[in-house]
Each structure stands twice: as C-alpha cells, then as structure tokens.
C-alpha cells in the first residue's frame, strides 16, 4: 500500500512541477522578449520563435521536474540510487 501511495505522490509532484515549469517558462519568455509566450498555432508566430519557446520551455520544465523528483526521493528515503 505504501508503494501505491508513493507512486501517487510522485505523480502529483510531477504534474505540479510541470505546471510550475510551464508558468516559469512563460515568465522567462516575457522577461527576455517583452512579449507574451507564443501560441504554437498562431499564424503570426514565426516558426523560429515557436521553436525557441519550445526549447526554452522544455529545458525549464525538465529542470524543475528533475529537481522536484530528486527532492521527493530524498524526502521519501528512496534516494539511495541517486
């Protein structure tokens, strides 16, 4: 049962970290470009700009998720493999 609870907590942390990372990437984009984040299906958004945002977003979400999962593993005591 504890294993199921850990999986549920890990899933929740992953989802929260993804949402936080997404917010951070939008904020970072606005800070750097002074524009709101581009919409991928907006015809006025250039392909170059859409790809740049996608890369920035992926990096930020990946870092936030990794940090959150490592912190959770440490908190749960399952970080022996890290």
C-alpha atoms as a PDB file:
ATOM      1  CA  UNK A   1       0.000   0.000   0.000  1.00  0.00           C
ATOM      2  CA  UNK A   2       2.862   2.373   0.788  1.00  0.00           C
ATOM      3  CA  UNK A   3       4.267   1.743  -2.686  1.00  0.00           C
ATOM      4  CA  UNK A   4       0.953   2.836  -4.236  1.00  0.00           C
ATOM      5  CA  UNK A   5       0.894   5.958  -2.080  1.00  0.00           C
ATOM      6  CA  UNK A   6       4.460   6.791  -3.136  1.00  0.00           C
ATOM      7  CA  UNK A   7       3.520   6.390  -6.792  1.00  0.00           C
ATOM      8  CA  UNK A   8       0.518   8.681  -6.358  1.00  0.00           C
ATOM      9  CA  UNK A   9       2.606  11.296  -4.560  1.00  0.00           C
ATOM     10  CA  UNK A  10       5.307  11.075  -7.241  1.00  0.00           C
ATOM     11  CA  UNK A  11       2.680  11.527  -9.959  1.00  0.00           C
ATOM     12  CA  UNK A  12       1.236  14.554  -8.177  1.00  0.00           C
ATOM     13  CA  UNK A  13       4.671  16.092  -7.716  1.00  0.00           C
ATOM     14  CA  UNK A  14       5.473  15.507 -11.383  1.00  0.00           C
ATOM     15  CA  UNK A  15       2.253  17.175 -12.508  1.00  0.00           C
ATOM     16  CA  UNK A  16       2.764  20.128 -10.161  1.00  0.00           C
ATOM     17  CA  UNK A  17       6.377  20.525 -11.270  1.00  0.00           C
ATOM     18  CA  UNK A  18       5.285  20.501 -14.911  1.00  0.00           C
ATOM     19  CA  UNK A  19       2.688  23.190 -14.242  1.00  0.00           C
ATOM     20  CA  UNK A  20       5.195  25.319 -12.320  1.00  0.00           C
ATOM     21  CA  UNK A  21       7.786  24.869 -15.062  1.00  0.00           C
ATOM     22  CA  UNK A  22       5.252  25.906 -17.679  1.00  0.00           C
ATOM     23  CA  UNK A  23       4.457  29.077 -15.730  1.00  0.00           C
ATOM     24  CA  UNK A  24       8.143  29.817 -15.254  1.00  0.00           C
ATOM     25  CA  UNK A  25       8.860  29.378 -18.956  1.00  0.00           C
ATOM     26  CA  UNK A  26       6.114  31.855 -19.849  1.00  0.00           C
ATOM     27  CA  UNK A  27       7.540  34.330 -17.355  1.00  0.00           C
ATOM     28  CA  UNK A  28      11.095  33.813 -18.586  1.00  0.00           C
ATOM     29  CA  UNK A  29       9.986  34.317 -22.183  1.00  0.00           C
ATOM     30  CA  UNK A  30       8.218  37.548 -21.273  1.00  0.00           C
ATOM     31  CA  UNK A  31      11.250  38.793 -19.307  1.00  0.00           C
ATOM     32  CA  UNK A  32      13.608  38.131 -22.222  1.00  0.00           C
ATOM     33  CA  UNK A  33      11.448  39.163 -25.173  1.00  0.00           C
ATOM     34  CA  UNK A  34       8.935  41.559 -23.549  1.00  0.00           C
ATOM     35  CA  UNK A  35       6.198  39.576 -25.354  1.00  0.00           C
ATOM     36  CA  UNK A  36       3.716  37.051 -24.037  1.00  0.00           C
ATOM     37  CA  UNK A  37       4.505  33.438 -24.826  1.00  0.00           C
ATOM     38  CA  UNK A  38       3.839  32.463 -28.426  1.00  0.00           C
ATOM     39  CA  UNK A  39       0.946  30.247 -29.339  1.00  0.00           C
ATOM     40  CA  UNK A  40       2.108  27.343 -31.487  1.00  0.00           C
ATOM     41  CA  UNK A  41      -0.890  27.510 -33.839  1.00  0.00           C
ATOM     42  CA  UNK A  42      -0.913  31.299 -34.213  1.00  0.00           C
ATOM     43  CA  UNK A  43      -0.128  32.165 -37.857  1.00  0.00           C
ATOM     44  CA  UNK A  44       1.550  35.399 -36.735  1.00  0.00           C
ATOM     45  CA  UNK A  45       4.115  33.471 -34.660  1.00  0.00           C
ATOM     46  CA  UNK A  46       7.196  32.663 -36.691  1.00  0.00           C
ATOM     47  CA  UNK A  47       8.456  29.094 -36.753  1.00  0.00           C
ATOM     48  CA  UNK A  48      11.771  30.269 -35.328  1.00  0.00           C
ATOM     49  CA  UNK A  49      10.039  31.948 -32.382  1.00  0.00           C
ATOM     50  CA  UNK A  50       7.802  28.925 -31.725  1.00  0.00           C
ATOM     51  CA  UNK A  51      10.795  26.565 -31.727  1.00  0.00           C
ATOM     52  CA  UNK A  52      12.823  28.871 -29.475  1.00  0.00           C
ATOM     53  CA  UNK A  53       9.984  28.939 -26.955  1.00  0.00           C
ATOM     54  CA  UNK A  54       9.530  25.168 -27.169  1.00  0.00           C
ATOM     55  CA  UNK A  55      13.229  24.616 -26.404  1.00  0.00           C
ATOM     56  CA  UNK A  56      13.201  27.105 -23.523  1.00  0.00           C
ATOM     57  CA  UNK A  57      10.031  25.585 -22.116  1.00  0.00           C
ATOM     58  CA  UNK A  58      11.334  22.012 -22.367  1.00  0.00           C
ATOM     59  CA  UNK A  59      14.559  22.899 -20.573  1.00  0.00           C
ATOM     60  CA  UNK A  60      12.805  24.753 -17.754  1.00  0.00           C
ATOM     61  CA  UNK A  61      10.121  22.093 -17.264  1.00  0.00           C
ATOM     62  CA  UNK A  62      12.765  19.343 -17.355  1.00  0.00           C
ATOM     63  CA  UNK A  63      14.938  21.043 -14.750  1.00  0.00           C
ATOM     64  CA  UNK A  64      12.027  21.824 -12.414  1.00  0.00           C
ATOM     65  CA  UNK A  65      10.664  18.273 -12.714  1.00  0.00           C
ATOM     66  CA  UNK A  66      14.074  16.699 -12.097  1.00  0.00           C
ATOM     67  CA  UNK A  67      14.703  18.847  -9.047  1.00  0.00           C
ATOM     68  CA  UNK A  68      11.246  18.118  -7.632  1.00  0.00           C
ATOM     69  CA  UNK A  69      11.560  14.359  -8.167  1.00  0.00           C
ATOM     70  CA  UNK A  70      15.039  14.275  -6.607  1.00  0.00           C
ATOM     71  CA  UNK A  71      13.801  16.254  -3.607  1.00  0.00           C
ATOM     72  CA  UNK A  72      10.838  13.894  -3.250  1.00  0.00           C
ATOM     73  CA  UNK A  73      13.098  10.848  -3.447  1.00  0.00           C
ATOM     74  CA  UNK A  74      15.266  12.286  -0.694  1.00  0.00           C
ATOM     75  CA  UNK A  75      12.208  13.056   1.435  1.00  0.00           C
ATOM     76  CA  UNK A  76      10.815   9.545   0.928  1.00  0.00           C
ATOM     77  CA  UNK A  77      14.201   7.978   1.624  1.00  0.00           C
ATOM     78  CA  UNK A  78      14.351   6.344  -1.790  1.00  0.00           C
ATOM     79  CA  UNK A  79      17.329   8.418  -2.958  1.00  0.00           C
ATOM     80  CA  UNK A  80      19.961   5.745  -2.318  1.00  0.00           C
ATOM     81  CA  UNK A  81      20.297   5.146  -6.075  1.00  0.00           C
ATOM     82  CA  UNK A  82      20.746   8.842  -6.927  1.00  0.00           C
END
